């Protein structure tokens, strides 16, 4: 698989911009990866995806790590029709994983897959009063 120069991350193909995390999901080898892409397309109204990689979560205070998570990218033209149906399967945008302070479960390089910043409801900056921002 092609990789980016800056990291070990898989290069996104043209048009595939939104990376997703499907926790606790195993796909397997090349043949299974192709079947996964076809399965998504047939079960999500023609949504096109690019299989990226499967990674093991890191150990943290809540557990030993080692859970297999699937990373894949959705074509930018299909994001809107995938946004709601994905929730039924527990599929998350990579940005939401980091916005909800779960990024520590992955190697630092995984953050490079983010294409936007979701922020965090846990962040003190996000809880500032709007009037305080105007004074600065």
C-alpha atoms as a PDB file:
ATOM      1  CA  UNK A   1       0.000   0.000   0.000  1.00  0.00           C
ATOM      2  CA  UNK A   2       1.217   3.518  -0.683  1.00  0.00           C
ATOM      3  CA  UNK A   3       2.225   5.512   2.364  1.00  0.00           C
ATOM      4  CA  UNK A   4       2.820   9.177   2.955  1.00  0.00           C
ATOM      5  CA  UNK A   5       6.400  10.421   3.173  1.00  0.00           C
ATOM      6  CA  UNK A   6       5.894  11.981   6.624  1.00  0.00           C
ATOM      7  CA  UNK A   7       4.556   8.895   8.381  1.00  0.00           C
ATOM      8  CA  UNK A   8       3.530   5.286   8.165  1.00  0.00           C
ATOM      9  CA  UNK A   9      -0.076   6.304   7.474  1.00  0.00           C
ATOM     10  CA  UNK A  10      -1.723   5.036   4.324  1.00  0.00           C
ATOM     11  CA  UNK A  11      -2.085   7.766   1.696  1.00  0.00           C
ATOM     12  CA  UNK A  12      -5.653   8.774   1.013  1.00  0.00           C
ATOM     13  CA  UNK A  13      -6.736   8.265  -2.569  1.00  0.00           C
ATOM     14  CA  UNK A  14      -8.085  11.269  -4.440  1.00  0.00           C
ATOM     15  CA  UNK A  15     -11.537  12.247  -3.171  1.00  0.00           C
ATOM     16  CA  UNK A  16     -11.360  10.147  -0.012  1.00  0.00           C
ATOM     17  CA  UNK A  17     -11.167  12.765   2.701  1.00  0.00           C
ATOM     18  CA  UNK A  18     -13.138  11.678   5.769  1.00  0.00           C
ATOM     19  CA  UNK A  19     -11.409   9.039   7.890  1.00  0.00           C
ATOM     20  CA  UNK A  20     -13.548   6.815  10.106  1.00  0.00           C
ATOM     21  CA  UNK A  21     -12.794   4.590  13.084  1.00  0.00           C
ATOM     22  CA  UNK A  22     -14.791   1.412  13.576  1.00  0.00           C
ATOM     23  CA  UNK A  23     -13.843   0.186  17.051  1.00  0.00           C
ATOM     24  CA  UNK A  24     -13.419  -3.524  17.749  1.00  0.00           C
ATOM     25  CA  UNK A  25     -13.618  -4.474  14.074  1.00  0.00           C
ATOM     26  CA  UNK A  26     -11.414  -6.987  12.275  1.00  0.00           C
ATOM     27  CA  UNK A  27     -11.371  -7.234   8.486  1.00  0.00           C
ATOM     28  CA  UNK A  28      -8.209  -9.175   7.671  1.00  0.00           C
ATOM     29  CA  UNK A  29      -6.169  -9.748   4.497  1.00  0.00           C
ATOM     30  CA  UNK A  30      -6.392  -8.247   0.999  1.00  0.00           C
ATOM     31  CA  UNK A  31      -9.329 -10.378  -0.128  1.00  0.00           C
ATOM     32  CA  UNK A  32     -11.313  -9.490   3.007  1.00  0.00           C
ATOM     33  CA  UNK A  33     -10.419  -5.806   2.562  1.00  0.00           C
ATOM     34  CA  UNK A  34     -11.936  -5.836  -0.934  1.00  0.00           C
ATOM     35  CA  UNK A  35     -15.024  -7.596   0.447  1.00  0.00           C
ATOM     36  CA  UNK A  36     -15.300  -4.925   3.162  1.00  0.00           C
ATOM     37  CA  UNK A  37     -15.285  -2.122   0.553  1.00  0.00           C
ATOM     38  CA  UNK A  38     -18.044  -3.907  -1.407  1.00  0.00           C
ATOM     39  CA  UNK A  39     -20.031  -4.588   1.778  1.00  0.00           C
ATOM     40  CA  UNK A  40     -20.037  -0.900   2.739  1.00  0.00           C
ATOM     41  CA  UNK A  41     -21.113   0.075  -0.770  1.00  0.00           C
ATOM     42  CA  UNK A  42     -23.996  -2.398  -0.817  1.00  0.00           C
ATOM     43  CA  UNK A  43     -25.169  -1.747   2.752  1.00  0.00           C
ATOM     44  CA  UNK A  44     -24.828   2.046   2.791  1.00  0.00           C
ATOM     45  CA  UNK A  45     -26.543   3.160  -0.428  1.00  0.00           C
ATOM     46  CA  UNK A  46     -23.469   3.153  -2.674  1.00  0.00           C
ATOM     47  CA  UNK A  47     -21.050   4.838  -0.244  1.00  0.00           C
ATOM     48  CA  UNK A  48     -17.480   4.518  -1.528  1.00  0.00           C
ATOM     49  CA  UNK A  49     -14.721   3.806   0.964  1.00  0.00           C
ATOM     50  CA  UNK A  50     -11.004   3.191   0.980  1.00  0.00           C
ATOM     51  CA  UNK A  51      -9.741   0.600   3.442  1.00  0.00           C
ATOM     52  CA  UNK A  52      -6.775   2.134   5.284  1.00  0.00           C
ATOM     53  CA  UNK A  53      -5.528  -0.081   8.103  1.00  0.00           C
ATOM     54  CA  UNK A  54      -6.283  -1.922  11.304  1.00  0.00           C
ATOM     55  CA  UNK A  55      -4.564  -0.823  14.482  1.00  0.00           C
ATOM     56  CA  UNK A  56      -4.324  -2.013  18.077  1.00  0.00           C
ATOM     57  CA  UNK A  57      -5.327   0.403  20.810  1.00  0.00           C
ATOM     58  CA  UNK A  58      -2.766   1.409  23.412  1.00  0.00           C
ATOM     59  CA  UNK A  59      -3.016   0.724  27.129  1.00  0.00           C
ATOM     60  CA  UNK A  60      -4.584   3.433  29.294  1.00  0.00           C
ATOM     61  CA  UNK A  61      -6.191   3.866  32.727  1.00  0.00           C
ATOM     62  CA  UNK A  62      -9.380   2.144  31.578  1.00  0.00           C
ATOM     63  CA  UNK A  63      -7.909  -0.967  30.039  1.00  0.00           C
ATOM     64  CA  UNK A  64      -5.000  -3.025  28.744  1.00  0.00           C
ATOM     65  CA  UNK A  65      -5.269  -1.916  25.101  1.00  0.00           C
ATOM     66  CA  UNK A  66      -4.919  -4.354  22.241  1.00  0.00           C
ATOM     67  CA  UNK A  67      -8.401  -3.842  20.798  1.00  0.00           C
ATOM     68  CA  UNK A  68      -8.410  -4.070  16.990  1.00  0.00           C
ATOM     69  CA  UNK A  69      -9.871  -0.919  15.399  1.00  0.00           C
ATOM     70  CA  UNK A  70     -10.497  -0.428  11.690  1.00  0.00           C
ATOM     71  CA  UNK A  71      -9.627   2.812   9.893  1.00  0.00           C
ATOM     72  CA  UNK A  72     -11.153   3.632   6.524  1.00  0.00           C
ATOM     73  CA  UNK A  73     -11.883   6.746   4.480  1.00  0.00           C
ATOM     74  CA  UNK A  74     -15.186   7.809   2.947  1.00  0.00           C
ATOM     75  CA  UNK A  75     -15.330   9.569  -0.413  1.00  0.00           C
ATOM     76  CA  UNK A  76     -16.064  13.277   0.075  1.00  0.00           C
ATOM     77  CA  UNK A  77     -19.168  13.062  -2.154  1.00  0.00           C
ATOM     78  CA  UNK A  78     -20.635  10.305   0.051  1.00  0.00           C
ATOM     79  CA  UNK A  79     -20.019  11.786   3.504  1.00  0.00           C
ATOM     80  CA  UNK A  80     -23.495  13.333   3.838  1.00  0.00           C
ATOM     81  CA  UNK A  81     -25.366  10.108   3.078  1.00  0.00           C
ATOM     82  CA  UNK A  82     -23.047   8.096   5.370  1.00  0.00           C
ATOM     83  CA  UNK A  83     -23.122  10.514   8.335  1.00  0.00           C
ATOM     84  CA  UNK A  84     -26.299   9.241  10.017  1.00  0.00           C
ATOM     85  CA  UNK A  85     -26.402   5.526   9.037  1.00  0.00           C
ATOM     86  CA  UNK A  86     -22.845   4.966  10.338  1.00  0.00           C
ATOM     87  CA  UNK A  87     -23.973   5.724  13.884  1.00  0.00           C
ATOM     88  CA  UNK A  88     -26.025   2.526  14.052  1.00  0.00           C
ATOM     89  CA  UNK A  89     -22.767   0.567  13.666  1.00  0.00           C
ATOM     90  CA  UNK A  90     -20.686   2.620  16.099  1.00  0.00           C
ATOM     91  CA  UNK A  91     -18.531   4.076  13.315  1.00  0.00           C
ATOM     92  CA  UNK A  92     -16.996   7.399  14.317  1.00  0.00           C
ATOM     93  CA  UNK A  93     -15.261  10.225  12.478  1.00  0.00           C
ATOM     94  CA  UNK A  94     -11.569  10.271  13.447  1.00  0.00           C
ATOM     95  CA  UNK A  95     -11.983  13.912  14.510  1.00  0.00           C
ATOM     96  CA  UNK A  96     -14.699  12.948  17.004  1.00  0.00           C
ATOM     97  CA  UNK A  97     -12.425  10.342  18.534  1.00  0.00           C
ATOM     98  CA  UNK A  98      -9.846  13.048  19.263  1.00  0.00           C
ATOM     99  CA  UNK A  99     -12.484  15.640  20.169  1.00  0.00           C
ATOM    100  CA  UNK A 100     -13.790  13.248  22.819  1.00  0.00           C
ATOM    101  CA  UNK A 101     -10.285  12.775  24.238  1.00  0.00           C
ATOM    102  CA  UNK A 102      -9.842   9.212  23.016  1.00  0.00           C
ATOM    103  CA  UNK A 103      -6.873   9.905  20.727  1.00  0.00           C
ATOM    104  CA  UNK A 104      -4.472   8.688  23.428  1.00  0.00           C
ATOM    105  CA  UNK A 105      -5.589   5.154  22.546  1.00  0.00           C
ATOM    106  CA  UNK A 106      -3.640   5.384  19.265  1.00  0.00           C
ATOM    107  CA  UNK A 107      -0.075   6.012  18.130  1.00  0.00           C
ATOM    108  CA  UNK A 108       0.573   9.738  17.560  1.00  0.00           C
ATOM    109  CA  UNK A 109       0.744   9.264  13.775  1.00  0.00           C
ATOM    110  CA  UNK A 110      -2.975   8.433  13.642  1.00  0.00           C
ATOM    111  CA  UNK A 111      -3.847  12.087  14.402  1.00  0.00           C
ATOM    112  CA  UNK A 112      -2.435  12.945  10.950  1.00  0.00           C
ATOM    113  CA  UNK A 113      -5.576  11.392   9.429  1.00  0.00           C
ATOM    114  CA  UNK A 114      -7.723  14.244  10.816  1.00  0.00           C
ATOM    115  CA  UNK A 115      -8.975  16.664   8.173  1.00  0.00           C
ATOM    116  CA  UNK A 116     -10.699  19.099  10.578  1.00  0.00           C
ATOM    117  CA  UNK A 117     -10.729  19.880  14.298  1.00  0.00           C
ATOM    118  CA  UNK A 118     -13.792  18.734  16.232  1.00  0.00           C
ATOM    119  CA  UNK A 119     -12.736  20.493  19.422  1.00  0.00           C
ATOM    120  CA  UNK A 120     -13.834  19.007  22.716  1.00  0.00           C
ATOM    121  CA  UNK A 121     -16.654  19.620  25.137  1.00  0.00           C
ATOM    122  CA  UNK A 122     -14.152  18.736  27.850  1.00  0.00           C
ATOM    123  CA  UNK A 123     -11.801  21.548  26.914  1.00  0.00           C
ATOM    124  CA  UNK A 124     -11.763  24.657  29.126  1.00  0.00           C
ATOM    125  CA  UNK A 125     -11.316  26.806  26.004  1.00  0.00           C
ATOM    126  CA  UNK A 126     -14.593  25.515  24.571  1.00  0.00           C
ATOM    127  CA  UNK A 127     -16.453  26.422  27.781  1.00  0.00           C
ATOM    128  CA  UNK A 128     -15.414  30.081  27.844  1.00  0.00           C
ATOM    129  CA  UNK A 129     -18.186  32.623  27.957  1.00  0.00           C
ATOM    130  CA  UNK A 130     -18.601  34.445  24.617  1.00  0.00           C
ATOM    131  CA  UNK A 131     -18.385  37.812  26.386  1.00  0.00           C
ATOM    132  CA  UNK A 132     -14.926  36.919  27.687  1.00  0.00           C
ATOM    133  CA  UNK A 133     -13.708  36.344  24.108  1.00  0.00           C
ATOM    134  CA  UNK A 134     -14.776  39.849  23.070  1.00  0.00           C
ATOM    135  CA  UNK A 135     -12.580  41.469  25.749  1.00  0.00           C
ATOM    136  CA  UNK A 136      -9.405  39.902  24.408  1.00  0.00           C
END
